[in-house]
Amino acid sequence: MEEVESWAPVIGFTLLPNAGSLWGARIVKREIPAWYQYLEKPSWNPPNWVFAPVWASLYSSMGYGSYLVWKELGGFNEKSMVPLGLYAGNLALNWSWVPIFFGKHKKGWGLVTILLTTGAAMLTTTAWYNVNKTAAYFMYPYLAWLTFASVLNYRLWKDNPDKKH
């Protein structure tokens, strides 16, 4: 039984970011055919099917990184408050993007949100690097994708100024 208990935190931390995205996935599924498909998109916009597996792998990767930080610092305590608090703020911002961009069709506010998310992810990565370099490395693909997603969000905002519905 102890062996199962030792795996519980790593599984929980790894799956937590994915669990938070389930609500957003419902919004995206509803809004792709109703709104998103009608937006002007750049030629380099990935096909819709790419986003779910990319986000699942990024969420799992940063979730595992958060586990490494939690473990390195001995759990939830005063030492882990800043690195894990930054991570929690990053997740909250990340999860809020879908309801803003897809749910409310607020492309400009979506851009603001994703830029704030990117800043929070950079702060999180820096804090994690000082605790566990491997954990920080698990954030690098996420940072790269956020950069790409920010540019895509910007183009969607600029190329579709009047497309509210």
N, C-alpha and C. Protein backbone atom coordinates (compact mmCIF):
# COMPACT_ATOMS: atom_id res chain seq x y z
N MET A 1 0.81 -1.20 0.00
CA MET A 1 0.00 0.00 0.00
C MET A 1 0.86 1.27 0.00
N GLU A 2 2.02 1.20 0.66
CA GLU A 2 2.90 2.36 0.69
C GLU A 2 3.38 2.72 -0.71
N GLU A 3 3.61 1.71 -1.56
CA GLU A 3 4.07 1.97 -2.91
C GLU A 3 3.02 2.75 -3.70
N VAL A 4 1.76 2.41 -3.55
CA VAL A 4 0.68 3.13 -4.22
C VAL A 4 0.63 4.57 -3.71
N GLU A 5 0.74 4.75 -2.41
CA GLU A 5 0.69 6.08 -1.83
C GLU A 5 1.84 6.95 -2.32
N SER A 6 3.01 6.36 -2.58
CA SER A 6 4.14 7.15 -3.05
C SER A 6 3.93 7.64 -4.49
N TRP A 7 3.08 6.94 -5.25
CA TRP A 7 2.77 7.36 -6.61
C TRP A 7 1.62 8.36 -6.66
N ALA A 8 0.83 8.44 -5.63
CA ALA A 8 -0.33 9.32 -5.65
C ALA A 8 0.03 10.79 -5.89
N PRO A 9 1.03 11.34 -5.21
CA PRO A 9 1.35 12.76 -5.48
C PRO A 9 1.81 13.01 -6.92
N VAL A 10 2.67 12.16 -7.44
CA VAL A 10 3.16 12.40 -8.80
C VAL A 10 2.02 12.32 -9.82
N ILE A 11 1.11 11.40 -9.62
CA ILE A 11 -0.05 11.29 -10.53
C ILE A 11 -0.96 12.50 -10.35
N GLY A 12 -1.23 12.86 -9.12
CA GLY A 12 -2.10 14.02 -8.86
C GLY A 12 -1.55 15.31 -9.44
N PHE A 13 -0.28 15.58 -9.20
CA PHE A 13 0.33 16.81 -9.72
C PHE A 13 0.37 16.81 -11.24
N THR A 14 0.63 15.65 -11.84
CA THR A 14 0.73 15.56 -13.29
C THR A 14 -0.63 15.74 -13.95
N LEU A 15 -1.68 15.22 -13.33
CA LEU A 15 -3.02 15.30 -13.92
C LEU A 15 -3.76 16.59 -13.60
N LEU A 16 -3.40 17.26 -12.51
CA LEU A 16 -4.13 18.46 -12.09
C LEU A 16 -4.31 19.49 -13.20
N PRO A 17 -3.27 19.89 -13.92
CA PRO A 17 -3.48 20.90 -14.96
C PRO A 17 -4.45 20.43 -16.05
N ASN A 18 -4.43 19.15 -16.38
CA ASN A 18 -5.36 18.61 -17.37
C ASN A 18 -6.79 18.68 -16.87
N ALA A 19 -6.99 18.40 -15.60
CA ALA A 19 -8.34 18.42 -15.03
C ALA A 19 -8.95 19.81 -15.15
N GLY A 20 -8.13 20.83 -14.93
CA GLY A 20 -8.62 22.20 -15.02
C GLY A 20 -9.00 22.61 -16.41
N SER A 21 -8.49 21.92 -17.39
CA SER A 21 -8.78 22.29 -18.78
C SER A 21 -10.06 21.65 -19.31
N LEU A 22 -10.66 20.75 -18.55
CA LEU A 22 -11.85 20.04 -19.05
C LEU A 22 -13.02 20.98 -19.32
N TRP A 23 -13.22 21.96 -18.44
CA TRP A 23 -14.30 22.93 -18.63
C TRP A 23 -14.05 23.72 -19.91
N GLY A 24 -12.80 24.15 -20.10
CA GLY A 24 -12.46 24.90 -21.30
C GLY A 24 -12.67 24.09 -22.57
N ALA A 25 -12.38 22.81 -22.50
CA ALA A 25 -12.55 21.96 -23.68
C ALA A 25 -14.00 21.93 -24.14
N ARG A 26 -14.92 21.97 -23.21
CA ARG A 26 -16.35 22.00 -23.57
C ARG A 26 -16.69 23.28 -24.32
N ILE A 27 -16.11 24.39 -23.86
CA ILE A 27 -16.36 25.68 -24.52
C ILE A 27 -15.78 25.67 -25.93
N VAL A 28 -14.55 25.18 -26.06
CA VAL A 28 -13.90 25.13 -27.36
C VAL A 28 -14.70 24.27 -28.33
N LYS A 29 -15.12 23.11 -27.87
CA LYS A 29 -15.89 22.20 -28.73
C LYS A 29 -17.16 22.88 -29.25
N ARG A 30 -17.79 23.67 -28.41
CA ARG A 30 -19.02 24.37 -28.81
C ARG A 30 -18.71 25.53 -29.76
N GLU A 31 -17.62 26.25 -29.52
CA GLU A 31 -17.36 27.49 -30.26
C GLU A 31 -16.58 27.31 -31.55
N ILE A 32 -15.91 26.19 -31.75
CA ILE A 32 -15.21 26.01 -33.03
C ILE A 32 -16.20 26.05 -34.19
N PRO A 33 -17.26 25.25 -34.17
CA PRO A 33 -18.18 25.31 -35.32
C PRO A 33 -19.06 26.57 -35.32
N ALA A 34 -19.31 27.15 -34.17
CA ALA A 34 -20.22 28.28 -34.09
C ALA A 34 -19.54 29.63 -34.36
N TRP A 35 -18.22 29.72 -34.10
CA TRP A 35 -17.55 31.01 -34.19
C TRP A 35 -16.14 30.92 -34.78
N TYR A 36 -15.29 30.09 -34.19
CA TYR A 36 -13.87 30.07 -34.54
C TYR A 36 -13.63 29.72 -36.01
N GLN A 37 -14.40 28.82 -36.56
CA GLN A 37 -14.18 28.40 -37.95
C GLN A 37 -14.37 29.55 -38.93
N TYR A 38 -15.09 30.60 -38.53
CA TYR A 38 -15.37 31.72 -39.42
C TYR A 38 -14.32 32.83 -39.34
N LEU A 39 -13.38 32.72 -38.43
CA LEU A 39 -12.34 33.75 -38.31
C LEU A 39 -11.30 33.61 -39.42
N GLU A 40 -10.75 34.73 -39.85
CA GLU A 40 -9.60 34.73 -40.76
C GLU A 40 -8.40 34.24 -39.96
N LYS A 41 -7.69 33.26 -40.51
CA LYS A 41 -6.55 32.70 -39.80
C LYS A 41 -5.32 32.76 -40.69
N PRO A 42 -4.14 32.92 -40.08
CA PRO A 42 -2.91 32.91 -40.88
C PRO A 42 -2.66 31.52 -41.46
N SER A 43 -1.86 31.46 -42.49
CA SER A 43 -1.56 30.18 -43.16
C SER A 43 -0.88 29.19 -42.23
N TRP A 44 -0.21 29.68 -41.20
CA TRP A 44 0.53 28.83 -40.27
C TRP A 44 -0.31 28.41 -39.06
N ASN A 45 -1.59 28.71 -39.08
CA ASN A 45 -2.48 28.27 -38.00
C ASN A 45 -2.58 26.74 -38.03
N PRO A 46 -2.28 26.08 -36.92
CA PRO A 46 -2.36 24.60 -36.93
C PRO A 46 -3.81 24.13 -37.11
N PRO A 47 -3.98 22.91 -37.61
CA PRO A 47 -5.34 22.36 -37.68
C PRO A 47 -5.90 22.19 -36.25
N ASN A 48 -7.19 22.26 -36.14
CA ASN A 48 -7.83 22.21 -34.82
C ASN A 48 -7.46 20.97 -34.01
N TRP A 49 -7.27 19.83 -34.66
CA TRP A 49 -6.99 18.59 -33.94
C TRP A 49 -5.64 18.62 -33.22
N VAL A 50 -4.75 19.53 -33.58
CA VAL A 50 -3.41 19.60 -32.97
C VAL A 50 -3.48 20.10 -31.53
N PHE A 51 -4.41 20.98 -31.24
CA PHE A 51 -4.39 21.68 -29.96
C PHE A 51 -4.60 20.78 -28.75
N ALA A 52 -5.52 19.85 -28.80
CA ALA A 52 -5.79 18.99 -27.63
C ALA A 52 -4.57 18.16 -27.23
N PRO A 53 -3.93 17.43 -28.15
CA PRO A 53 -2.76 16.66 -27.70
C PRO A 53 -1.57 17.53 -27.28
N VAL A 54 -1.41 18.68 -27.92
CA VAL A 54 -0.32 19.58 -27.51
C VAL A 54 -0.57 20.06 -26.09
N TRP A 55 -1.78 20.54 -25.82
CA TRP A 55 -2.07 21.04 -24.47
C TRP A 55 -2.00 19.92 -23.43
N ALA A 56 -2.47 18.74 -23.76
CA ALA A 56 -2.39 17.63 -22.80
C ALA A 56 -0.94 17.33 -22.44
N SER A 57 -0.06 17.33 -23.42
CA SER A 57 1.35 17.04 -23.12
C SER A 57 1.99 18.19 -22.35
N LEU A 58 1.65 19.43 -22.70
CA LEU A 58 2.21 20.57 -21.97
C LEU A 58 1.71 20.61 -20.53
N TYR A 59 0.41 20.38 -20.34
CA TYR A 59 -0.14 20.37 -18.99
C TYR A 59 0.50 19.25 -18.15
N SER A 60 0.66 18.09 -18.73
CA SER A 60 1.27 16.97 -17.99
C SER A 60 2.72 17.27 -17.65
N SER A 61 3.43 17.86 -18.58
CA SER A 61 4.83 18.19 -18.38
C SER A 61 5.00 19.20 -17.25
N MET A 62 4.24 20.29 -17.29
CA MET A 62 4.39 21.27 -16.20
C MET A 62 3.82 20.73 -14.90
N GLY A 63 2.82 19.87 -14.97
CA GLY A 63 2.30 19.25 -13.75
C GLY A 63 3.37 18.39 -13.09
N TYR A 64 4.11 17.63 -13.88
CA TYR A 64 5.20 16.82 -13.32
C TYR A 64 6.29 17.73 -12.76
N GLY A 65 6.56 18.82 -13.44
CA GLY A 65 7.54 19.78 -12.91
C GLY A 65 7.11 20.32 -11.56
N SER A 66 5.83 20.60 -11.40
CA SER A 66 5.34 21.10 -10.11
C SER A 66 5.51 20.05 -9.02
N TYR A 67 5.35 18.79 -9.39
CA TYR A 67 5.59 17.71 -8.43
C TYR A 67 7.05 17.72 -7.98
N LEU A 68 7.97 17.89 -8.93
CA LEU A 68 9.40 17.90 -8.58
C LEU A 68 9.72 19.04 -7.61
N VAL A 69 9.11 20.20 -7.83
CA VAL A 69 9.33 21.34 -6.93
C VAL A 69 8.74 21.03 -5.56
N TRP A 70 7.52 20.53 -5.53
CA TRP A 70 6.85 20.18 -4.28
C TRP A 70 7.69 19.18 -3.49
N LYS A 71 8.16 18.16 -4.18
CA LYS A 71 8.96 17.12 -3.52
C LYS A 71 10.29 17.68 -3.02
N GLU A 72 10.95 18.46 -3.84
CA GLU A 72 12.25 19.04 -3.48
C GLU A 72 12.15 19.93 -2.24
N LEU A 73 11.05 20.65 -2.12
CA LEU A 73 10.88 21.59 -1.01
C LEU A 73 10.15 20.97 0.18
N GLY A 74 9.86 19.69 0.11
CA GLY A 74 9.26 19.01 1.26
C GLY A 74 7.77 19.22 1.42
N GLY A 75 7.07 19.44 0.33
CA GLY A 75 5.61 19.57 0.38
C GLY A 75 5.17 21.01 0.38
N PHE A 76 3.94 21.21 0.84
CA PHE A 76 3.38 22.56 0.92
C PHE A 76 3.83 23.18 2.22
N ASN A 77 4.67 24.18 2.12
CA ASN A 77 5.19 24.87 3.31
C ASN A 77 5.63 26.26 2.91
N GLU A 78 6.26 26.94 3.82
CA GLU A 78 6.68 28.32 3.57
C GLU A 78 7.66 28.42 2.40
N LYS A 79 8.56 27.45 2.28
CA LYS A 79 9.56 27.47 1.20
C LYS A 79 8.92 27.27 -0.17
N SER A 80 7.85 26.51 -0.22
CA SER A 80 7.23 26.22 -1.51
C SER A 80 6.15 27.23 -1.90
N MET A 81 5.84 28.17 -1.01
CA MET A 81 4.74 29.10 -1.27
C MET A 81 4.97 29.93 -2.55
N VAL A 82 6.15 30.48 -2.74
CA VAL A 82 6.38 31.31 -3.92
C VAL A 82 6.42 30.48 -5.21
N PRO A 83 7.27 29.45 -5.30
CA PRO A 83 7.30 28.73 -6.58
C PRO A 83 5.98 28.04 -6.93
N LEU A 84 5.30 27.47 -5.94
CA LEU A 84 4.02 26.82 -6.25
C LEU A 84 2.88 27.82 -6.35
N GLY A 85 2.99 28.93 -5.63
CA GLY A 85 2.00 30.00 -5.75
C GLY A 85 2.03 30.65 -7.12
N LEU A 86 3.24 30.89 -7.64
CA LEU A 86 3.37 31.41 -9.01
C LEU A 86 2.77 30.44 -10.02
N TYR A 87 3.03 29.16 -9.79
CA TYR A 87 2.48 28.13 -10.67
C TYR A 87 0.96 28.13 -10.62
N ALA A 88 0.39 28.24 -9.43
CA ALA A 88 -1.08 28.27 -9.30
C ALA A 88 -1.65 29.49 -10.03
N GLY A 89 -0.99 30.63 -9.90
CA GLY A 89 -1.43 31.82 -10.61
C GLY A 89 -1.35 31.64 -12.12
N ASN A 90 -0.28 31.00 -12.56
CA ASN A 90 -0.11 30.70 -13.98
C ASN A 90 -1.25 29.80 -14.48
N LEU A 91 -1.56 28.77 -13.72
CA LEU A 91 -2.66 27.88 -14.13
C LEU A 91 -4.00 28.62 -14.18
N ALA A 92 -4.25 29.46 -13.18
CA ALA A 92 -5.51 30.21 -13.16
C ALA A 92 -5.62 31.11 -14.40
N LEU A 93 -4.54 31.80 -14.72
CA LEU A 93 -4.56 32.63 -15.93
C LEU A 93 -4.74 31.77 -17.18
N ASN A 94 -4.02 30.67 -17.24
CA ASN A 94 -4.11 29.77 -18.39
C ASN A 94 -5.54 29.28 -18.59
N TRP A 95 -6.14 28.80 -17.52
CA TRP A 95 -7.50 28.27 -17.62
C TRP A 95 -8.52 29.36 -17.94
N SER A 96 -8.22 30.61 -17.62
CA SER A 96 -9.18 31.69 -17.88
C SER A 96 -9.17 32.13 -19.35
N TRP A 97 -8.13 31.79 -20.09
CA TRP A 97 -8.05 32.24 -21.48
C TRP A 97 -9.20 31.69 -22.33
N VAL A 98 -9.50 30.42 -22.22
CA VAL A 98 -10.54 29.81 -23.07
C VAL A 98 -11.90 30.48 -22.87
N PRO A 99 -12.37 30.68 -21.64
CA PRO A 99 -13.67 31.35 -21.50
C PRO A 99 -13.66 32.79 -22.02
N ILE A 100 -12.52 33.46 -21.94
CA ILE A 100 -12.43 34.83 -22.44
C ILE A 100 -12.40 34.83 -23.97
N PHE A 101 -11.47 34.08 -24.55
CA PHE A 101 -11.29 34.10 -26.00
C PHE A 101 -12.43 33.37 -26.71
N PHE A 102 -12.64 32.12 -26.37
CA PHE A 102 -13.67 31.32 -27.05
C PHE A 102 -15.07 31.59 -26.51
N GLY A 103 -15.20 31.63 -25.19
CA GLY A 103 -16.52 31.77 -24.60
C GLY A 103 -17.15 33.12 -24.84
N LYS A 104 -16.38 34.20 -24.66
CA LYS A 104 -16.90 35.57 -24.81
C LYS A 104 -16.50 36.22 -26.12
N HIS A 105 -15.66 35.54 -26.90
CA HIS A 105 -15.19 36.05 -28.20
C HIS A 105 -14.41 37.36 -28.04
N LYS A 106 -13.72 37.48 -26.93
CA LYS A 106 -12.93 38.69 -26.63
C LYS A 106 -11.48 38.44 -27.03
N LYS A 107 -11.18 38.63 -28.30
CA LYS A 107 -9.85 38.33 -28.82
C LYS A 107 -8.79 39.25 -28.20
N GLY A 108 -9.10 40.53 -28.03
CA GLY A 108 -8.15 41.46 -27.43
C GLY A 108 -7.87 41.13 -25.97
N TRP A 109 -8.92 40.85 -25.21
CA TRP A 109 -8.73 40.47 -23.81
C TRP A 109 -8.07 39.09 -23.71
N GLY A 110 -8.32 38.25 -24.69
CA GLY A 110 -7.62 36.97 -24.75
C GLY A 110 -6.12 37.19 -24.91
N LEU A 111 -5.76 38.16 -25.75
CA LEU A 111 -4.34 38.48 -25.93
C LEU A 111 -3.73 38.99 -24.63
N VAL A 112 -4.43 39.87 -23.94
CA VAL A 112 -3.93 40.36 -22.65
C VAL A 112 -3.75 39.19 -21.69
N THR A 113 -4.72 38.30 -21.65
CA THR A 113 -4.67 37.15 -20.75
C THR A 113 -3.50 36.23 -21.08
N ILE A 114 -3.30 35.95 -22.36
CA ILE A 114 -2.22 35.04 -22.72
C ILE A 114 -0.84 35.68 -22.48
N LEU A 115 -0.75 36.99 -22.63
CA LEU A 115 0.52 37.66 -22.31
C LEU A 115 0.79 37.63 -20.81
N LEU A 116 -0.25 37.82 -20.01
CA LEU A 116 -0.10 37.70 -18.56
C LEU A 116 0.27 36.27 -18.18
N THR A 117 -0.34 35.31 -18.84
CA THR A 117 -0.02 33.90 -18.61
C THR A 117 1.45 33.63 -18.92
N THR A 118 1.91 34.16 -20.03
CA THR A 118 3.31 33.98 -20.42
C THR A 118 4.24 34.59 -19.38
N GLY A 119 3.91 35.77 -18.90
CA GLY A 119 4.72 36.39 -17.84
C GLY A 119 4.73 35.55 -16.57
N ALA A 120 3.56 35.05 -16.20
CA ALA A 120 3.49 34.20 -15.00
C ALA A 120 4.27 32.91 -15.20
N ALA A 121 4.22 32.35 -16.40
CA ALA A 121 4.97 31.12 -16.69
C ALA A 121 6.47 31.38 -16.64
N MET A 122 6.90 32.55 -17.10
CA MET A 122 8.32 32.90 -17.03
C MET A 122 8.78 33.06 -15.57
N LEU A 123 7.96 33.71 -14.77
CA LEU A 123 8.28 33.85 -13.35
C LEU A 123 8.31 32.49 -12.66
N THR A 124 7.36 31.65 -12.98
CA THR A 124 7.31 30.30 -12.43
C THR A 124 8.57 29.52 -12.80
N THR A 125 8.93 29.58 -14.06
CA THR A 125 10.11 28.85 -14.54
C THR A 125 11.37 29.34 -13.82
N THR A 126 11.50 30.64 -13.64
CA THR A 126 12.66 31.20 -12.94
C THR A 126 12.69 30.73 -11.49
N ALA A 127 11.54 30.77 -10.84
CA ALA A 127 11.48 30.31 -9.44
C ALA A 127 11.81 28.83 -9.35
N TRP A 128 11.29 28.04 -10.28
CA TRP A 128 11.56 26.60 -10.26
C TRP A 128 13.02 26.31 -10.55
N TYR A 129 13.65 27.09 -11.42
CA TYR A 129 15.05 26.86 -11.76
C TYR A 129 15.93 26.95 -10.52
N ASN A 130 15.57 27.83 -9.62
CA ASN A 130 16.33 27.99 -8.38
C ASN A 130 16.10 26.84 -7.39
N VAL A 131 15.06 26.06 -7.63
CA VAL A 131 14.73 24.93 -6.75
C VAL A 131 15.17 23.61 -7.37
N ASN A 132 14.78 23.40 -8.63
CA ASN A 132 15.03 22.14 -9.32
C ASN A 132 15.12 22.43 -10.82
N LYS A 133 16.30 22.38 -11.37
CA LYS A 133 16.50 22.74 -12.78
C LYS A 133 15.67 21.87 -13.71
N THR A 134 15.55 20.61 -13.42
CA THR A 134 14.75 19.72 -14.27
C THR A 134 13.30 20.18 -14.32
N ALA A 135 12.76 20.60 -13.19
CA ALA A 135 11.39 21.11 -13.16
C ALA A 135 11.25 22.31 -14.09
N ALA A 136 12.23 23.20 -14.05
CA ALA A 136 12.21 24.38 -14.92
C ALA A 136 12.27 23.96 -16.39
N TYR A 137 13.09 22.96 -16.69
CA TYR A 137 13.20 22.49 -18.08
C TYR A 137 11.86 21.96 -18.59
N PHE A 138 11.05 21.40 -17.70
CA PHE A 138 9.72 20.91 -18.11
C PHE A 138 8.80 22.06 -18.52
N MET A 139 9.14 23.29 -18.14
CA MET A 139 8.34 24.46 -18.51
C MET A 139 8.73 25.03 -19.88
N TYR A 140 9.91 24.70 -20.39
CA TYR A 140 10.40 25.30 -21.64
C TYR A 140 9.48 25.06 -22.83
N PRO A 141 8.99 23.83 -23.06
CA PRO A 141 8.06 23.66 -24.19
C PRO A 141 6.78 24.49 -24.03
N TYR A 142 6.31 24.61 -22.80
CA TYR A 142 5.13 25.42 -22.51
C TYR A 142 5.39 26.89 -22.86
N LEU A 143 6.55 27.38 -22.47
CA LEU A 143 6.90 28.77 -22.80
C LEU A 143 6.97 28.97 -24.32
N ALA A 144 7.55 28.01 -25.01
CA ALA A 144 7.63 28.11 -26.47
C ALA A 144 6.22 28.13 -27.08
N TRP A 145 5.34 27.25 -26.61
CA TRP A 145 3.98 27.20 -27.14
C TRP A 145 3.21 28.47 -26.80
N LEU A 146 3.40 29.00 -25.59
CA LEU A 146 2.73 30.25 -25.23
C LEU A 146 3.17 31.39 -26.14
N THR A 147 4.43 31.39 -26.51
CA THR A 147 4.93 32.42 -27.44
C THR A 147 4.21 32.29 -28.78
N PHE A 148 4.16 31.08 -29.30
CA PHE A 148 3.45 30.82 -30.55
C PHE A 148 1.97 31.20 -30.42
N ALA A 149 1.33 30.76 -29.34
CA ALA A 149 -0.10 31.02 -29.14
C ALA A 149 -0.37 32.51 -28.99
N SER A 150 0.55 33.24 -28.39
CA SER A 150 0.39 34.70 -28.24
C SER A 150 0.41 35.37 -29.61
N VAL A 151 1.35 34.97 -30.46
CA VAL A 151 1.42 35.54 -31.80
C VAL A 151 0.17 35.18 -32.59
N LEU A 152 -0.29 33.95 -32.47
CA LEU A 152 -1.52 33.54 -33.15
C LEU A 152 -2.71 34.34 -32.64
N ASN A 153 -2.83 34.50 -31.34
CA ASN A 153 -3.92 35.29 -30.76
C ASN A 153 -3.87 36.72 -31.29
N TYR A 154 -2.67 37.29 -31.35
CA TYR A 154 -2.52 38.65 -31.88
C TYR A 154 -3.02 38.74 -33.32
N ARG A 155 -2.60 37.79 -34.15
CA ARG A 155 -3.04 37.80 -35.56
C ARG A 155 -4.55 37.64 -35.66
N LEU A 156 -5.14 36.77 -34.86
CA LEU A 156 -6.60 36.59 -34.90
C LEU A 156 -7.31 37.88 -34.48
N TRP A 157 -6.76 38.56 -33.51
CA TRP A 157 -7.33 39.83 -33.05
C TRP A 157 -7.21 40.90 -34.13
N LYS A 158 -6.03 41.03 -34.72
CA LYS A 158 -5.81 42.07 -35.73
C LYS A 158 -6.54 41.76 -37.03
N ASP A 159 -6.61 40.50 -37.42
CA ASP A 159 -7.20 40.13 -38.71
C ASP A 159 -8.72 40.01 -38.67
N ASN A 160 -9.31 40.07 -37.48
CA ASN A 160 -10.76 39.88 -37.33
C ASN A 160 -11.35 40.94 -36.40
N PRO A 161 -11.19 42.23 -36.74
CA PRO A 161 -11.64 43.27 -35.82
C PRO A 161 -13.15 43.33 -35.62
N ASP A 162 -13.91 42.91 -36.61
CA ASP A 162 -15.38 43.05 -36.51
C ASP A 162 -16.11 41.75 -36.32
N LYS A 163 -15.38 40.65 -36.21
CA LYS A 163 -16.03 39.34 -36.13
C LYS A 163 -16.30 38.98 -34.69
N LYS A 164 -17.38 39.48 -34.15
CA LYS A 164 -17.75 39.17 -32.77
C LYS A 164 -18.54 37.88 -32.69
N HIS A 165 -19.21 37.52 -33.77
CA HIS A 165 -19.98 36.26 -33.81
C HIS A 165 -19.96 35.66 -35.18
